[in-house]
Protein backbone atom coordinates (compact mmCIF):
# COMPACT_ATOMS: atom_id res chain seq x y z
CA MET A 1 -0.12 -0.25 0.25
CA GLY A 2 2.90 2.50 0.94
CA TYR A 3 3.97 1.97 -3.01
CA ALA A 4 0.73 2.21 -4.20
CA LEU A 5 0.38 6.04 -2.02
CA LEU A 6 3.39 6.92 -2.64
CA GLY A 7 2.46 6.61 -6.94
CA ALA A 8 -0.34 8.65 -5.97
CA ALA A 9 2.22 11.19 -4.12
CA ILE A 10 4.25 11.26 -7.44
CA ALA A 11 1.96 11.54 -9.98
CA ALA A 12 -0.02 14.58 -7.62
CA GLU A 13 3.59 16.60 -7.59
CA VAL A 14 3.78 15.98 -11.35
CA ALA A 15 0.43 17.36 -11.81
CA ALA A 16 0.95 20.38 -9.61
CA THR A 17 4.51 20.97 -11.15
CA THR A 18 3.13 21.38 -15.16
CA ALA A 19 0.07 23.25 -13.68
CA MET A 20 2.88 25.63 -12.22
CA LYS A 21 3.52 25.74 -16.03
CA TYR A 22 0.75 27.31 -17.47
CA SER A 23 0.33 29.13 -14.39
CA GLU A 24 2.69 32.44 -15.72
CA GLY A 25 3.80 33.10 -11.90
CA PHE A 26 1.28 32.26 -10.47
CA SER A 27 -0.67 35.17 -12.27
CA LYS A 28 -3.91 32.90 -13.90
CA LEU A 29 -6.56 31.86 -10.95
CA TRP A 30 -6.90 28.05 -11.98
CA PRO A 31 -3.45 26.90 -12.76
CA SER A 32 -2.36 28.44 -9.21
CA LEU A 33 -5.57 26.50 -7.25
CA LEU A 34 -4.06 23.76 -8.92
CA THR A 35 -0.87 24.03 -8.44
CA LEU A 36 -1.50 24.78 -4.91
CA LEU A 37 -4.14 21.72 -4.40
CA GLY A 38 -1.61 19.29 -6.14
CA TYR A 39 1.25 20.03 -4.04
CA VAL A 40 -0.65 19.82 -0.97
CA VAL A 41 -2.27 16.17 -1.89
CA ALA A 42 1.34 15.46 -3.15
CA PHE A 43 2.66 15.88 0.52
CA VAL A 44 -0.50 14.75 2.92
CA LEU A 45 0.19 11.35 0.09
CA LEU A 46 4.23 11.49 1.17
CA ALA A 47 3.69 11.84 4.43
CA GLN A 48 0.88 8.66 4.72
CA THR A 49 3.73 6.57 2.85
CA LEU A 50 6.49 7.02 5.33
CA LYS A 51 4.20 4.95 7.86
CA THR A 52 5.86 1.79 6.12
CA VAL A 53 8.40 3.01 3.59
CA SER A 54 11.72 4.08 4.63
CA VAL A 55 11.95 7.99 4.19
CA GLY A 56 14.94 7.00 1.96
CA THR A 57 13.39 5.27 -0.40
CA ALA A 58 10.53 7.24 -0.88
CA TYR A 59 12.77 9.90 -1.80
CA ALA A 60 14.73 8.53 -3.70
CA ILE A 61 11.94 7.35 -5.58
CA TRP A 62 9.81 10.55 -4.84
CA ALA A 63 12.96 12.61 -6.27
CA GLY A 64 13.87 10.69 -9.11
CA ALA A 65 10.51 9.15 -10.65
CA GLY A 66 9.24 13.02 -10.90
CA THR A 67 12.17 14.78 -11.69
CA ALA A 68 12.26 12.01 -14.67
CA ALA A 69 7.97 12.77 -16.01
CA VAL A 70 8.20 16.25 -15.35
CA ALA A 71 10.84 16.31 -18.16
CA ALA A 72 9.86 13.62 -20.02
CA ILE A 73 6.68 16.44 -20.29
CA GLY A 74 8.19 19.30 -20.79
CA MET A 75 9.55 17.31 -23.84
CA LEU A 76 7.03 15.72 -25.02
CA PHE A 77 4.35 18.59 -24.31
CA LEU A 78 5.40 21.58 -24.04
CA GLY A 79 8.05 21.67 -26.88
CA GLU A 80 10.91 21.37 -25.08
CA GLY A 81 13.67 20.08 -27.14
CA LEU A 82 15.43 16.29 -26.65
CA ASN A 83 19.24 16.37 -26.78
CA THR A 84 21.94 14.30 -25.34
CA ALA A 85 22.60 15.58 -22.40
CA LYS A 86 18.86 15.88 -20.81
CA LEU A 87 18.35 11.92 -22.14
CA THR A 88 21.70 11.42 -20.03
CA GLY A 89 20.84 13.26 -17.12
CA ILE A 90 17.14 11.40 -16.45
CA MET A 91 19.15 7.89 -18.12
CA LEU A 92 21.61 8.89 -14.55
CA ILE A 93 18.87 10.06 -12.39
CA ILE A 94 17.12 6.03 -12.47
CA VAL A 95 20.27 4.55 -12.77
CA GLY A 96 21.25 6.43 -8.99
CA VAL A 97 17.22 5.60 -7.54
CA VAL A 98 18.39 1.62 -8.22
CA VAL A 99 21.44 2.29 -6.67
CA LEU A 100 20.21 3.65 -3.50
CA ASN A 101 17.70 1.44 -3.36
CA LEU A 102 20.09 -1.28 -4.12
CA GLY A 103 22.69 -0.22 -1.65
CA GLY A 104 20.08 -0.38 1.28
CA ALA A 105 19.08 3.11 1.69
CA HIS A 106 15.58 1.20 2.76
């Protein structure tokens, strides 16, 4: 159940970050409210996750998956280019999360 909550927390955080892009510096009401709501939901779910998943594991997955997902959304839907440096960075994030988990982050 902890990992399901973590997945939902990551989804909420990614949605909030995407909404923030559309808030235009918090000058648009609805995207700004979605950003706020998304981050509240994300942190509540993350807090619930930490009841059963160690903080090192949860945060590594949260940060890595969230960063990779937002980067992918930027490239696929927001017109941000894909280049070797970005692709390498995303791959390194994923490898880092795996290494932390294998190395005993939990």
